[in-house]
Amino acid sequence: MHWSDKLSQNPKRSWRLFLTGLAFFWLCASALIFIPNIATSLLYPLVFLLLAAFTLAVYGYLGIFATRVANLRFHKAKYKQLFSERE
């Protein structure tokens, strides 16, 4: 099984993961930027949440990318079969 087949099985889930991760990433990043004197007890959990949100967004984006690669592979095989029958 190709890697794109495994990751692209649920494209709506991939979009949801990507958008959720992106929203939490920007929320944490803006909190780090706009809160000038943040306590250390809040800084480390916020950085951890930022990295977790980034990881979630990247995983969702990989699923979106895998869906596109799987579609390209499917259409390539379809057109290859179509044009091989004409000859």
PDB file of N, CA and C in Angstrom:
ATOM      1  N   MET A   1       0.847  -1.178   0.000  1.00  0.00           N
ATOM      2  CA  MET A   1       0.000   0.000   0.000  1.00  0.00           C
ATOM      3  C   MET A   1       0.889   1.236   0.000  1.00  0.00           C
ATOM      4  N   HIS A   2       0.579   2.153  -0.874  1.00  0.00           N
ATOM      5  CA  HIS A   2       1.340   3.391  -1.003  1.00  0.00           C
ATOM      6  C   HIS A   2       1.023   4.311   0.186  1.00  0.00           C
ATOM      7  N   TRP A   3       1.986   5.124   0.584  1.00  0.00           N
ATOM      8  CA  TRP A   3       1.786   5.990   1.748  1.00  0.00           C
ATOM      9  C   TRP A   3       0.626   6.953   1.540  1.00  0.00           C
ATOM     10  N   SER A   4       0.411   7.369   0.292  1.00  0.00           N
ATOM     11  CA  SER A   4      -0.680   8.317   0.052  1.00  0.00           C
ATOM     12  C   SER A   4      -2.043   7.650   0.196  1.00  0.00           C
ATOM     13  N   ASP A   5      -2.121   6.358  -0.054  1.00  0.00           N
ATOM     14  CA  ASP A   5      -3.395   5.663   0.122  1.00  0.00           C
ATOM     15  C   ASP A   5      -3.795   5.592   1.590  1.00  0.00           C
ATOM     16  N   LYS A   6      -2.809   5.384   2.448  1.00  0.00           N
ATOM     17  CA  LYS A   6      -3.109   5.276   3.876  1.00  0.00           C
ATOM     18  C   LYS A   6      -3.506   6.625   4.483  1.00  0.00           C
ATOM     19  N   LEU A   7      -2.775   7.686   4.141  1.00  0.00           N
ATOM     20  CA  LEU A   7      -3.052   8.997   4.728  1.00  0.00           C
ATOM     21  C   LEU A   7      -4.268   9.687   4.120  1.00  0.00           C
ATOM     22  N   SER A   8      -4.662   9.286   2.923  1.00  0.00           N
ATOM     23  CA  SER A   8      -5.736  10.015   2.243  1.00  0.00           C
ATOM     24  C   SER A   8      -7.094   9.340   2.377  1.00  0.00           C
ATOM     25  N   GLN A   9      -7.265   8.468   3.339  1.00  0.00           N
ATOM     26  CA  GLN A   9      -8.525   7.739   3.442  1.00  0.00           C
ATOM     27  C   GLN A   9      -9.676   8.599   3.937  1.00  0.00           C
ATOM     28  N   ASN A  10      -9.391   9.682   4.646  1.00  0.00           N
ATOM     29  CA  ASN A  10     -10.461  10.540   5.160  1.00  0.00           C
ATOM     30  C   ASN A  10     -10.063  12.012   4.971  1.00  0.00           C
ATOM     31  N   PRO A  11     -10.336  12.586   3.777  1.00  0.00           N
ATOM     32  CA  PRO A  11      -9.896  13.964   3.526  1.00  0.00           C
ATOM     33  C   PRO A  11     -10.592  15.009   4.398  1.00  0.00           C
ATOM     34  N   LYS A  12     -11.851  14.780   4.762  1.00  0.00           N
ATOM     35  CA  LYS A  12     -12.538  15.754   5.625  1.00  0.00           C
ATOM     36  C   LYS A  12     -11.890  15.809   6.997  1.00  0.00           C
ATOM     37  N   ARG A  13     -11.451  14.667   7.492  1.00  0.00           N
ATOM     38  CA  ARG A  13     -10.752  14.625   8.781  1.00  0.00           C
ATOM     39  C   ARG A  13      -9.421  15.369   8.681  1.00  0.00           C
ATOM     40  N   SER A  14      -8.724  15.203   7.558  1.00  0.00           N
ATOM     41  CA  SER A  14      -7.454  15.899   7.366  1.00  0.00           C
ATOM     42  C   SER A  14      -7.652  17.411   7.366  1.00  0.00           C
ATOM     43  N   TRP A  15      -8.690  17.881   6.672  1.00  0.00           N
ATOM     44  CA  TRP A  15      -8.974  19.315   6.667  1.00  0.00           C
ATOM     45  C   TRP A  15      -9.310  19.807   8.064  1.00  0.00           C
ATOM     46  N   ARG A  16     -10.111  19.028   8.791  1.00  0.00           N
ATOM     47  CA  ARG A  16     -10.502  19.420  10.145  1.00  0.00           C
ATOM     48  C   ARG A  16      -9.276  19.486  11.060  1.00  0.00           C
ATOM     49  N   LEU A  17      -8.381  18.486  10.962  1.00  0.00           N
ATOM     50  CA  LEU A  17      -7.159  18.501  11.768  1.00  0.00           C
ATOM     51  C   LEU A  17      -6.283  19.691  11.408  1.00  0.00           C
ATOM     52  N   PHE A  18      -6.153  19.958  10.120  1.00  0.00           N
ATOM     53  CA  PHE A  18      -5.316  21.069   9.680  1.00  0.00           C
ATOM     54  C   PHE A  18      -5.858  22.405  10.195  1.00  0.00           C
ATOM     55  N   LEU A  19      -7.151  22.639  10.019  1.00  0.00           N
ATOM     56  CA  LEU A  19      -7.720  23.912  10.447  1.00  0.00           C
ATOM     57  C   LEU A  19      -7.718  24.068  11.967  1.00  0.00           C
ATOM     58  N   THR A  20      -7.962  22.979  12.687  1.00  0.00           N
ATOM     59  CA  THR A  20      -7.908  23.032  14.144  1.00  0.00           C
ATOM     60  C   THR A  20      -6.486  23.323  14.624  1.00  0.00           C
ATOM     61  N   GLY A  21      -5.520  22.610  14.069  1.00  0.00           N
ATOM     62  CA  GLY A  21      -4.123  22.847  14.434  1.00  0.00           C
ATOM     63  C   GLY A  21      -3.672  24.248  14.091  1.00  0.00           C
ATOM     64  N   LEU A  22      -4.101  24.743  12.932  1.00  0.00           N
ATOM     65  CA  LEU A  22      -3.733  26.094  12.522  1.00  0.00           C
ATOM     66  C   LEU A  22      -4.339  27.147  13.447  1.00  0.00           C
ATOM     67  N   ALA A  23      -5.600  26.950  13.815  1.00  0.00           N
ATOM     68  CA  ALA A  23      -6.256  27.902  14.710  1.00  0.00           C
ATOM     69  C   ALA A  23      -5.574  27.934  16.085  1.00  0.00           C
ATOM     70  N   PHE A  24      -5.286  26.753  16.647  1.00  0.00           N
ATOM     71  CA  PHE A  24      -4.614  26.718  17.949  1.00  0.00           C
ATOM     72  C   PHE A  24      -3.187  27.250  17.861  1.00  0.00           C
ATOM     73  N   PHE A  25      -2.521  26.998  16.743  1.00  0.00           N
ATOM     74  CA  PHE A  25      -1.165  27.523  16.556  1.00  0.00           C
ATOM     75  C   PHE A  25      -1.175  29.048  16.586  1.00  0.00           C
ATOM     76  N   TRP A  26      -2.088  29.657  15.819  1.00  0.00           N
ATOM     77  CA  TRP A  26      -2.145  31.116  15.789  1.00  0.00           C
ATOM     78  C   TRP A  26      -2.608  31.695  17.116  1.00  0.00           C
ATOM     79  N   LEU A  27      -3.479  30.984  17.795  1.00  0.00           N
ATOM     80  CA  LEU A  27      -3.920  31.437  19.111  1.00  0.00           C
ATOM     81  C   LEU A  27      -2.747  31.451  20.097  1.00  0.00           C
ATOM     82  N   CYS A  28      -1.982  30.373  20.121  1.00  0.00           N
ATOM     83  CA  CYS A  28      -0.825  30.303  21.035  1.00  0.00           C
ATOM     84  C   CYS A  28       0.271  31.280  20.624  1.00  0.00           C
ATOM     85  N   ALA A  29       0.504  31.399  19.316  1.00  0.00           N
ATOM     86  CA  ALA A  29       1.537  32.328  18.847  1.00  0.00           C
ATOM     87  C   ALA A  29       1.168  33.768  19.175  1.00  0.00           C
ATOM     88  N   SER A  30      -0.106  34.111  18.983  1.00  0.00           N
ATOM     89  CA  SER A  30      -0.512  35.479  19.313  1.00  0.00           C
ATOM     90  C   SER A  30      -0.461  35.730  20.816  1.00  0.00           C
ATOM     91  N   ALA A  31      -0.750  34.710  21.620  1.00  0.00           N
ATOM     92  CA  ALA A  31      -0.627  34.868  23.071  1.00  0.00           C
ATOM     93  C   ALA A  31       0.825  35.100  23.464  1.00  0.00           C
ATOM     94  N   LEU A  32       1.743  34.384  22.823  1.00  0.00           N
ATOM     95  CA  LEU A  32       3.168  34.585  23.126  1.00  0.00           C
ATOM     96  C   LEU A  32       3.639  35.968  22.691  1.00  0.00           C
ATOM     97  N   ILE A  33       3.087  36.471  21.606  1.00  0.00           N
ATOM     98  CA  ILE A  33       3.529  37.773  21.091  1.00  0.00           C
ATOM     99  C   ILE A  33       2.906  38.930  21.873  1.00  0.00           C
ATOM    100  N   PHE A  34       1.613  38.837  22.144  1.00  0.00           N
ATOM    101  CA  PHE A  34       0.905  39.995  22.689  1.00  0.00           C
ATOM    102  C   PHE A  34       0.848  40.056  24.210  1.00  0.00           C
ATOM    103  N   ILE A  35       1.257  39.014  24.906  1.00  0.00           N
ATOM    104  CA  ILE A  35       1.332  39.079  26.370  1.00  0.00           C
ATOM    105  C   ILE A  35       2.793  39.322  26.724  1.00  0.00           C
ATOM    106  N   PRO A  36       3.128  40.556  27.100  1.00  0.00           N
ATOM    107  CA  PRO A  36       4.542  40.905  27.255  1.00  0.00           C
ATOM    108  C   PRO A  36       5.234  40.234  28.446  1.00  0.00           C
ATOM    109  N   ASN A  37       4.610  40.211  29.597  1.00  0.00           N
ATOM    110  CA  ASN A  37       5.254  39.669  30.785  1.00  0.00           C
ATOM    111  C   ASN A  37       4.523  38.403  31.225  1.00  0.00           C
ATOM    112  N   ILE A  38       4.722  37.343  30.481  1.00  0.00           N
ATOM    113  CA  ILE A  38       4.036  36.097  30.787  1.00  0.00           C
ATOM    114  C   ILE A  38       4.845  35.333  31.836  1.00  0.00           C
ATOM    115  N   ALA A  39       4.146  34.746  32.774  1.00  0.00           N
ATOM    116  CA  ALA A  39       4.817  34.000  33.838  1.00  0.00           C
ATOM    117  C   ALA A  39       5.419  32.719  33.271  1.00  0.00           C
ATOM    118  N   THR A  40       6.488  32.278  33.890  1.00  0.00           N
ATOM    119  CA  THR A  40       7.162  31.063  33.438  1.00  0.00           C
ATOM    120  C   THR A  40       6.268  29.849  33.587  1.00  0.00           C
ATOM    121  N   SER A  41       5.408  29.858  34.582  1.00  0.00           N
ATOM    122  CA  SER A  41       4.500  28.727  34.778  1.00  0.00           C
ATOM    123  C   SER A  41       3.478  28.625  33.642  1.00  0.00           C
ATOM    124  N   LEU A  42       3.227  29.718  32.928  1.00  0.00           N
ATOM    125  CA  LEU A  42       2.345  29.689  31.769  1.00  0.00           C
ATOM    126  C   LEU A  42       3.101  29.604  30.448  1.00  0.00           C
ATOM    127  N   LEU A  43       4.357  30.007  30.461  1.00  0.00           N
ATOM    128  CA  LEU A  43       5.145  30.024  29.235  1.00  0.00           C
ATOM    129  C   LEU A  43       5.404  28.623  28.703  1.00  0.00           C
ATOM    130  N   TYR A  44       5.830  27.716  29.555  1.00  0.00           N
ATOM    131  CA  TYR A  44       6.160  26.367  29.097  1.00  0.00           C
ATOM    132  C   TYR A  44       4.943  25.595  28.600  1.00  0.00           C
ATOM    133  N   PRO A  45       3.796  25.621  29.289  1.00  0.00           N
ATOM    134  CA  PRO A  45       2.620  24.958  28.704  1.00  0.00           C
ATOM    135  C   PRO A  45       2.166  25.595  27.396  1.00  0.00           C
ATOM    136  N   LEU A  46       2.309  26.915  27.272  1.00  0.00           N
ATOM    137  CA  LEU A  46       1.925  27.592  26.045  1.00  0.00           C
ATOM    138  C   LEU A  46       2.829  27.196  24.878  1.00  0.00           C
ATOM    139  N   VAL A  47       4.117  27.078  25.146  1.00  0.00           N
ATOM    140  CA  VAL A  47       5.046  26.626  24.102  1.00  0.00           C
ATOM    141  C   VAL A  47       4.764  25.175  23.730  1.00  0.00           C
ATOM    142  N   PHE A  48       4.451  24.347  24.729  1.00  0.00           N
ATOM    143  CA  PHE A  48       4.095  22.954  24.439  1.00  0.00           C
ATOM    144  C   PHE A  48       2.823  22.894  23.585  1.00  0.00           C
ATOM    145  N   LEU A  49       1.819  23.687  23.911  1.00  0.00           N
ATOM    146  CA  LEU A  49       0.596  23.725  23.111  1.00  0.00           C
ATOM    147  C   LEU A  49       0.859  24.245  21.699  1.00  0.00           C
ATOM    148  N   LEU A  50       1.765  25.200  21.578  1.00  0.00           N
ATOM    149  CA  LEU A  50       2.138  25.715  20.273  1.00  0.00           C
ATOM    150  C   LEU A  50       2.753  24.617  19.415  1.00  0.00           C
ATOM    151  N   LEU A  51       3.662  23.848  19.982  1.00  0.00           N
ATOM    152  CA  LEU A  51       4.292  22.757  19.239  1.00  0.00           C
ATOM    153  C   LEU A  51       3.304  21.638  18.922  1.00  0.00           C
ATOM    154  N   ALA A  52       2.405  21.339  19.858  1.00  0.00           N
ATOM    155  CA  ALA A  52       1.390  20.315  19.600  1.00  0.00           C
ATOM    156  C   ALA A  52       0.439  20.761  18.496  1.00  0.00           C
ATOM    157  N   ALA A  53       0.050  22.024  18.497  1.00  0.00           N
ATOM    158  CA  ALA A  53      -0.830  22.544  17.453  1.00  0.00           C
ATOM    159  C   ALA A  53      -0.133  22.539  16.100  1.00  0.00           C
ATOM    160  N   PHE A  54       1.144  22.871  16.091  1.00  0.00           N
ATOM    161  CA  PHE A  54       1.919  22.829  14.848  1.00  0.00           C
ATOM    162  C   PHE A  54       1.992  21.409  14.309  1.00  0.00           C
ATOM    163  N   THR A  55       2.222  20.450  15.195  1.00  0.00           N
ATOM    164  CA  THR A  55       2.279  19.044  14.783  1.00  0.00           C
ATOM    165  C   THR A  55       0.934  18.582  14.230  1.00  0.00           C
ATOM    166  N   LEU A  56      -0.131  18.982  14.866  1.00  0.00           N
ATOM    167  CA  LEU A  56      -1.473  18.627  14.400  1.00  0.00           C
ATOM    168  C   LEU A  56      -1.761  19.232  13.027  1.00  0.00           C
ATOM    169  N   ALA A  57      -1.374  20.479  12.821  1.00  0.00           N
ATOM    170  CA  ALA A  57      -1.585  21.132  11.531  1.00  0.00           C
ATOM    171  C   ALA A  57      -0.749  20.470  10.438  1.00  0.00           C
ATOM    172  N   VAL A  58       0.472  20.102  10.757  1.00  0.00           N
ATOM    173  CA  VAL A  58       1.327  19.435   9.768  1.00  0.00           C
ATOM    174  C   VAL A  58       0.772  18.065   9.415  1.00  0.00           C
ATOM    175  N   TYR A  59       0.298  17.323  10.395  1.00  0.00           N
ATOM    176  CA  TYR A  59      -0.292  16.012  10.128  1.00  0.00           C
ATOM    177  C   TYR A  59      -1.548  16.137   9.260  1.00  0.00           C
ATOM    178  N   GLY A  60      -2.364  17.137   9.540  1.00  0.00           N
ATOM    179  CA  GLY A  60      -3.541  17.376   8.710  1.00  0.00           C
ATOM    180  C   GLY A  60      -3.160  17.766   7.293  1.00  0.00           C
ATOM    181  N   TYR A  61      -2.126  18.597   7.156  1.00  0.00           N
ATOM    182  CA  TYR A  61      -1.685  18.997   5.830  1.00  0.00           C
ATOM    183  C   TYR A  61      -1.100  17.826   5.060  1.00  0.00           C
ATOM    184  N   LEU A  62      -0.413  16.940   5.746  1.00  0.00           N
ATOM    185  CA  LEU A  62       0.089  15.735   5.078  1.00  0.00           C
ATOM    186  C   LEU A  62      -1.053  14.891   4.541  1.00  0.00           C
ATOM    187  N   GLY A  63      -2.153  14.816   5.278  1.00  0.00           N
ATOM    188  CA  GLY A  63      -3.327  14.096   4.791  1.00  0.00           C
ATOM    189  C   GLY A  63      -3.924  14.753   3.561  1.00  0.00           C
ATOM    190  N   ILE A  64      -3.965  16.087   3.541  1.00  0.00           N
ATOM    191  CA  ILE A  64      -4.467  16.810   2.381  1.00  0.00           C
ATOM    192  C   ILE A  64      -3.550  16.560   1.181  1.00  0.00           C
ATOM    193  N   PHE A  65      -2.254  16.646   1.400  1.00  0.00           N
ATOM    194  CA  PHE A  65      -1.278  16.414   0.338  1.00  0.00           C
ATOM    195  C   PHE A  65      -1.360  14.974  -0.166  1.00  0.00           C
ATOM    196  N   ALA A  66      -1.541  14.033   0.742  1.00  0.00           N
ATOM    197  CA  ALA A  66      -1.648  12.628   0.353  1.00  0.00           C
ATOM    198  C   ALA A  66      -2.899  12.376  -0.485  1.00  0.00           C
ATOM    199  N   THR A  67      -3.977  13.086  -0.186  1.00  0.00           N
ATOM    200  CA  THR A  67      -5.188  12.966  -0.992  1.00  0.00           C
ATOM    201  C   THR A  67      -4.918  13.418  -2.421  1.00  0.00           C
ATOM    202  N   ARG A  68      -4.188  14.494  -2.575  1.00  0.00           N
ATOM    203  CA  ARG A  68      -3.863  14.987  -3.918  1.00  0.00           C
ATOM    204  C   ARG A  68      -2.942  14.024  -4.655  1.00  0.00           C
ATOM    205  N   VAL A  69      -1.977  13.465  -3.961  1.00  0.00           N
ATOM    206  CA  VAL A  69      -1.076  12.497  -4.589  1.00  0.00           C
ATOM    207  C   VAL A  69      -1.841  11.238  -4.988  1.00  0.00           C
ATOM    208  N   ALA A  70      -2.742  10.775  -4.128  1.00  0.00           N
ATOM    209  CA  ALA A  70      -3.540   9.587  -4.448  1.00  0.00           C
ATOM    210  C   ALA A  70      -4.432   9.850  -5.665  1.00  0.00           C
ATOM    211  N   ASN A  71      -4.999  11.053  -5.754  1.00  0.00           N
ATOM    212  CA  ASN A  71      -5.812  11.390  -6.925  1.00  0.00           C
ATOM    213  C   ASN A  71      -4.971  11.418  -8.195  1.00  0.00           C
ATOM    214  N   LEU A  72      -3.765  11.970  -8.102  1.00  0.00           N
ATOM    215  CA  LEU A  72      -2.884  11.977  -9.268  1.00  0.00           C
ATOM    216  C   LEU A  72      -2.513  10.561  -9.694  1.00  0.00           C
ATOM    217  N   ARG A  73      -2.229   9.707  -8.725  1.00  0.00           N
ATOM    218  CA  ARG A  73      -1.884   8.322  -9.050  1.00  0.00           C
ATOM    219  C   ARG A  73      -3.071   7.606  -9.699  1.00  0.00           C
ATOM    220  N   PHE A  74      -4.271   7.858  -9.193  1.00  0.00           N
ATOM    221  CA  PHE A  74      -5.467   7.225  -9.743  1.00  0.00           C
ATOM    222  C   PHE A  74      -5.703   7.680 -11.185  1.00  0.00           C
ATOM    223  N   HIS A  75      -5.597   8.993 -11.424  1.00  0.00           N
ATOM    224  CA  HIS A  75      -5.839   9.506 -12.766  1.00  0.00           C
ATOM    225  C   HIS A  75      -4.738   9.078 -13.729  1.00  0.00           C
ATOM    226  N   LYS A  76      -3.518   8.975 -13.251  1.00  0.00           N
ATOM    227  CA  LYS A  76      -2.420   8.518 -14.096  1.00  0.00           C
ATOM    228  C   LYS A  76      -2.689   7.090 -14.554  1.00  0.00           C
ATOM    229  N   ALA A  77      -3.107   6.236 -13.630  1.00  0.00           N
ATOM    230  CA  ALA A  77      -3.402   4.847 -13.989  1.00  0.00           C
ATOM    231  C   ALA A  77      -4.602   4.776 -14.935  1.00  0.00           C
ATOM    232  N   LYS A  78      -5.591   5.615 -14.715  1.00  0.00           N
ATOM    233  CA  LYS A  78      -6.787   5.616 -15.562  1.00  0.00           C
ATOM    234  C   LYS A  78      -6.431   6.045 -16.984  1.00  0.00           C
ATOM    235  N   TYR A  79      -5.651   7.124 -17.126  1.00  0.00           N
ATOM    236  CA  TYR A  79      -5.280   7.599 -18.453  1.00  0.00           C
ATOM    237  C   TYR A  79      -4.285   6.668 -19.127  1.00  0.00           C
ATOM    238  N   LYS A  80      -3.436   6.053 -18.363  1.00  0.00           N
ATOM    239  CA  LYS A  80      -2.494   5.090 -18.938  1.00  0.00           C
ATOM    240  C   LYS A  80      -3.267   3.917 -19.529  1.00  0.00           C
ATOM    241  N   GLN A  81      -4.272   3.441 -18.809  1.00  0.00           N
ATOM    242  CA  GLN A  81      -5.100   2.359 -19.309  1.00  0.00           C
ATOM    243  C   GLN A  81      -5.905   2.809 -20.527  1.00  0.00           C
ATOM    244  N   LEU A  82      -6.422   4.024 -20.515  1.00  0.00           N
ATOM    245  CA  LEU A  82      -7.229   4.540 -21.609  1.00  0.00           C
ATOM    246  C   LEU A  82      -6.413   4.652 -22.883  1.00  0.00           C
ATOM    247  N   PHE A  83      -5.197   5.202 -22.783  1.00  0.00           N
ATOM    248  CA  PHE A  83      -4.382   5.400 -23.964  1.00  0.00           C
ATOM    249  C   PHE A  83      -3.711   4.112 -24.435  1.00  0.00           C
ATOM    250  N   SER A  84      -3.510   3.161 -23.571  1.00  0.00           N
ATOM    251  CA  SER A  84      -2.936   1.885 -24.005  1.00  0.00           C
ATOM    252  C   SER A  84      -3.959   1.060 -24.773  1.00  0.00           C
ATOM    253  N   GLU A  85      -5.253   1.267 -24.509  1.00  0.00           N
ATOM    254  CA  GLU A  85      -6.292   0.544 -25.236  1.00  0.00           C
ATOM    255  C   GLU A  85      -6.491   1.094 -26.652  1.00  0.00           C
ATOM    256  N   ARG A  86      -6.153   2.338 -26.885  1.00  0.00           N
ATOM    257  CA  ARG A  86      -6.341   2.939 -28.195  1.00  0.00           C
ATOM    258  C   ARG A  86      -5.326   2.432 -29.207  1.00  0.00           C
ATOM    259  N   GLU A  87      -4.175   2.066 -28.780  1.00  0.00           N
ATOM    260  CA  GLU A  87      -3.108   1.666 -29.707  1.00  0.00           C
ATOM    261  C   GLU A  87      -3.272   0.285 -30.214  1.00  0.00           C
TER     262      GLU A  87
END
